Amino acid sequence: MPKRIVVDDDGIRTEGGPGYPWSEIVSVGICVLVLPPADQRLRYLDVGHVSGDFLELNEDLDGWPEAVAAIMARSGRPGPDLDPEPVGGCVEIWPARTVGG
């Protein structure tokens, strides 16, 4: 049974599994891979930890769309449109970056 992604005031985690508190998360990106031979697209969240470790949370986990929406809302900016997302890369959705300060 797939685990559910949880995004709340405490941080990002899977129910009954690994996770990080917000104070230890350095970045969150939405990444897209293309898997051969049929060029299947796979999206996942890449959650970076201060230690250099990371979590990869695949889109097939329960609650993935809600987790993306919650992270984007927390960043205070609109996130990327997931459908035309460029393949083979990542787009950072957290933290919110400011220009010039």
C-alpha atoms as a PDB file:
ATOM      1  CA  MET A   1       0.000   0.000   0.000  1.00  0.00           C
ATOM      2  CA  PRO A   2       1.519   3.353  -0.985  1.00  0.00           C
ATOM      3  CA  LYS A   3       2.418   5.834   1.677  1.00  0.00           C
ATOM      4  CA  ARG A   4       0.836   9.262   1.780  1.00  0.00           C
ATOM      5  CA  ILE A   5       2.874  12.468   1.598  1.00  0.00           C
ATOM      6  CA  VAL A   6       2.216  14.841   4.481  1.00  0.00           C
ATOM      7  CA  VAL A   7       3.050  18.559   4.314  1.00  0.00           C
ATOM      8  CA  ASP A   8       2.160  20.517   7.430  1.00  0.00           C
ATOM      9  CA  ASP A   9       3.604  23.070   9.844  1.00  0.00           C
ATOM     10  CA  ASP A  10       6.113  20.464  11.048  1.00  0.00           C
ATOM     11  CA  GLY A  11       7.656  19.689   7.647  1.00  0.00           C
ATOM     12  CA  ILE A  12       7.490  17.184   4.795  1.00  0.00           C
ATOM     13  CA  ARG A  13       7.278  13.437   5.364  1.00  0.00           C
ATOM     14  CA  THR A  14       5.522  10.241   4.408  1.00  0.00           C
ATOM     15  CA  GLU A  15       3.103   8.638   6.839  1.00  0.00           C
ATOM     16  CA  GLY A  16       5.079   6.107   8.825  1.00  0.00           C
ATOM     17  CA  GLY A  17       8.238   6.902   6.905  1.00  0.00           C
ATOM     18  CA  PRO A  18      11.051   9.377   6.444  1.00  0.00           C
ATOM     19  CA  GLY A  19      10.761  13.129   6.480  1.00  0.00           C
ATOM     20  CA  TYR A  20      12.366  16.414   7.461  1.00  0.00           C
ATOM     21  CA  PRO A  21      11.287  19.379   9.598  1.00  0.00           C
ATOM     22  CA  TRP A  22      11.085  22.759   7.825  1.00  0.00           C
ATOM     23  CA  SER A  23      14.056  24.035   9.849  1.00  0.00           C
ATOM     24  CA  GLU A  24      16.254  21.417   8.136  1.00  0.00           C
ATOM     25  CA  ILE A  25      14.874  21.662   4.573  1.00  0.00           C
ATOM     26  CA  VAL A  26      17.048  23.744   2.253  1.00  0.00           C
ATOM     27  CA  SER A  27      15.048  23.354  -0.967  1.00  0.00           C
ATOM     28  CA  VAL A  28      12.184  21.549  -2.652  1.00  0.00           C
ATOM     29  CA  GLY A  29      12.031  21.038  -6.388  1.00  0.00           C
ATOM     30  CA  ILE A  30       9.651  19.390  -8.809  1.00  0.00           C
ATOM     31  CA  CYS A  31      11.680  17.165 -11.100  1.00  0.00           C
ATOM     32  CA  VAL A  32      10.745  15.363 -14.309  1.00  0.00           C
ATOM     33  CA  LEU A  33      12.435  12.277 -15.717  1.00  0.00           C
ATOM     34  CA  VAL A  34      11.782  10.442 -18.966  1.00  0.00           C
ATOM     35  CA  LEU A  35      12.039   6.683 -18.673  1.00  0.00           C
ATOM     36  CA  PRO A  36      12.934   4.550 -21.688  1.00  0.00           C
ATOM     37  CA  PRO A  37      11.913   2.738 -23.748  1.00  0.00           C
ATOM     38  CA  ALA A  38       8.444   4.370 -23.999  1.00  0.00           C
ATOM     39  CA  ASP A  39       9.472   7.870 -22.832  1.00  0.00           C
ATOM     40  CA  GLN A  40       7.231   7.629 -19.773  1.00  0.00           C
ATOM     41  CA  ARG A  41       7.292  10.855 -17.733  1.00  0.00           C
ATOM     42  CA  LEU A  42       7.912  10.550 -14.006  1.00  0.00           C
ATOM     43  CA  ARG A  43       7.514  13.549 -11.707  1.00  0.00           C
ATOM     44  CA  TYR A  44       8.811  13.669  -8.167  1.00  0.00           C
ATOM     45  CA  LEU A  45       9.547  16.096  -5.365  1.00  0.00           C
ATOM     46  CA  ASP A  46      13.231  16.453  -4.508  1.00  0.00           C
ATOM     47  CA  VAL A  47      13.445  17.581  -0.869  1.00  0.00           C
ATOM     48  CA  GLY A  48      16.953  18.736   0.083  1.00  0.00           C
ATOM     49  CA  HIS A  49      18.217  18.467   3.674  1.00  0.00           C
ATOM     50  CA  VAL A  50      20.901  20.631   5.352  1.00  0.00           C
ATOM     51  CA  SER A  51      23.120  17.542   5.643  1.00  0.00           C
ATOM     52  CA  GLY A  52      23.161  17.040   1.876  1.00  0.00           C
ATOM     53  CA  ASP A  53      20.750  14.106   2.085  1.00  0.00           C
ATOM     54  CA  PHE A  54      17.489  14.267   0.184  1.00  0.00           C
ATOM     55  CA  LEU A  55      14.105  12.620  -0.237  1.00  0.00           C
ATOM     56  CA  GLU A  56      12.582  11.794  -3.592  1.00  0.00           C
ATOM     57  CA  LEU A  57       8.805  11.584  -3.330  1.00  0.00           C
ATOM     58  CA  ASN A  58       7.239  10.181  -6.493  1.00  0.00           C
ATOM     59  CA  GLU A  59       3.974  11.436  -7.924  1.00  0.00           C
ATOM     60  CA  ASP A  60       2.378   7.999  -7.461  1.00  0.00           C
ATOM     61  CA  LEU A  61       2.268   8.514  -3.687  1.00  0.00           C
ATOM     62  CA  ASP A  62      -1.113   9.418  -2.214  1.00  0.00           C
ATOM     63  CA  GLY A  63      -1.479  13.124  -1.585  1.00  0.00           C
ATOM     64  CA  TRP A  64       1.190  14.193  -4.091  1.00  0.00           C
ATOM     65  CA  PRO A  65      -0.864  16.972  -5.775  1.00  0.00           C
ATOM     66  CA  GLU A  66      -1.976  18.281  -2.387  1.00  0.00           C
ATOM     67  CA  ALA A  67       1.627  18.218  -1.131  1.00  0.00           C
ATOM     68  CA  VAL A  68       2.814  20.231  -4.144  1.00  0.00           C
ATOM     69  CA  ALA A  69       0.015  22.774  -3.609  1.00  0.00           C
ATOM     70  CA  ALA A  70       0.836  23.065   0.122  1.00  0.00           C
ATOM     71  CA  ILE A  71       4.551  23.615  -0.549  1.00  0.00           C
ATOM     72  CA  MET A  72       3.833  26.243  -3.207  1.00  0.00           C
ATOM     73  CA  ALA A  73       1.397  28.021  -0.864  1.00  0.00           C
ATOM     74  CA  ARG A  74       4.035  27.993   1.884  1.00  0.00           C
ATOM     75  CA  SER A  75       6.566  29.572  -0.486  1.00  0.00           C
ATOM     76  CA  GLY A  76       4.174  32.457  -1.147  1.00  0.00           C
ATOM     77  CA  ARG A  77       4.512  32.287  -4.907  1.00  0.00           C
ATOM     78  CA  PRO A  78       2.829  30.442  -7.725  1.00  0.00           C
ATOM     79  CA  GLY A  79       4.468  27.187  -8.672  1.00  0.00           C
ATOM     80  CA  PRO A  80       5.110  25.854 -12.138  1.00  0.00           C
ATOM     81  CA  ASP A  81       2.359  24.517 -14.356  1.00  0.00           C
ATOM     82  CA  LEU A  82       2.973  20.783 -14.021  1.00  0.00           C
ATOM     83  CA  ASP A  83       1.618  19.648 -17.375  1.00  0.00           C
ATOM     84  CA  PRO A  84       4.068  21.343 -19.765  1.00  0.00           C
ATOM     85  CA  GLU A  85       6.962  21.074 -17.306  1.00  0.00           C
ATOM     86  CA  PRO A  86      10.277  20.672 -19.141  1.00  0.00           C
ATOM     87  CA  VAL A  87      11.504  17.107 -19.169  1.00  0.00           C
ATOM     88  CA  GLY A  88      14.801  16.147 -17.625  1.00  0.00           C
ATOM     89  CA  GLY A  89      15.121  18.905 -15.085  1.00  0.00           C
ATOM     90  CA  CYS A  90      13.966  20.376 -11.805  1.00  0.00           C
ATOM     91  CA  VAL A  91      12.156  23.574 -10.918  1.00  0.00           C
ATOM     92  CA  GLU A  92      12.613  24.865  -7.384  1.00  0.00           C
ATOM     93  CA  ILE A  93       9.300  25.596  -5.636  1.00  0.00           C
ATOM     94  CA  TRP A  94      10.587  26.244  -2.112  1.00  0.00           C
ATOM     95  CA  PRO A  95      11.979  28.378  -0.550  1.00  0.00           C
ATOM     96  CA  ALA A  96      10.641  31.552  -2.034  1.00  0.00           C
ATOM     97  CA  ARG A  97      13.494  33.538  -3.520  1.00  0.00           C
ATOM     98  CA  THR A  98      13.550  37.305  -3.584  1.00  0.00           C
ATOM     99  CA  VAL A  99      15.385  39.425  -6.120  1.00  0.00           C
ATOM    100  CA  GLY A 100      17.755  42.051  -4.794  1.00  0.00           C
ATOM    101  CA  GLY A 101      17.490  41.174  -1.159  1.00  0.00           C
END
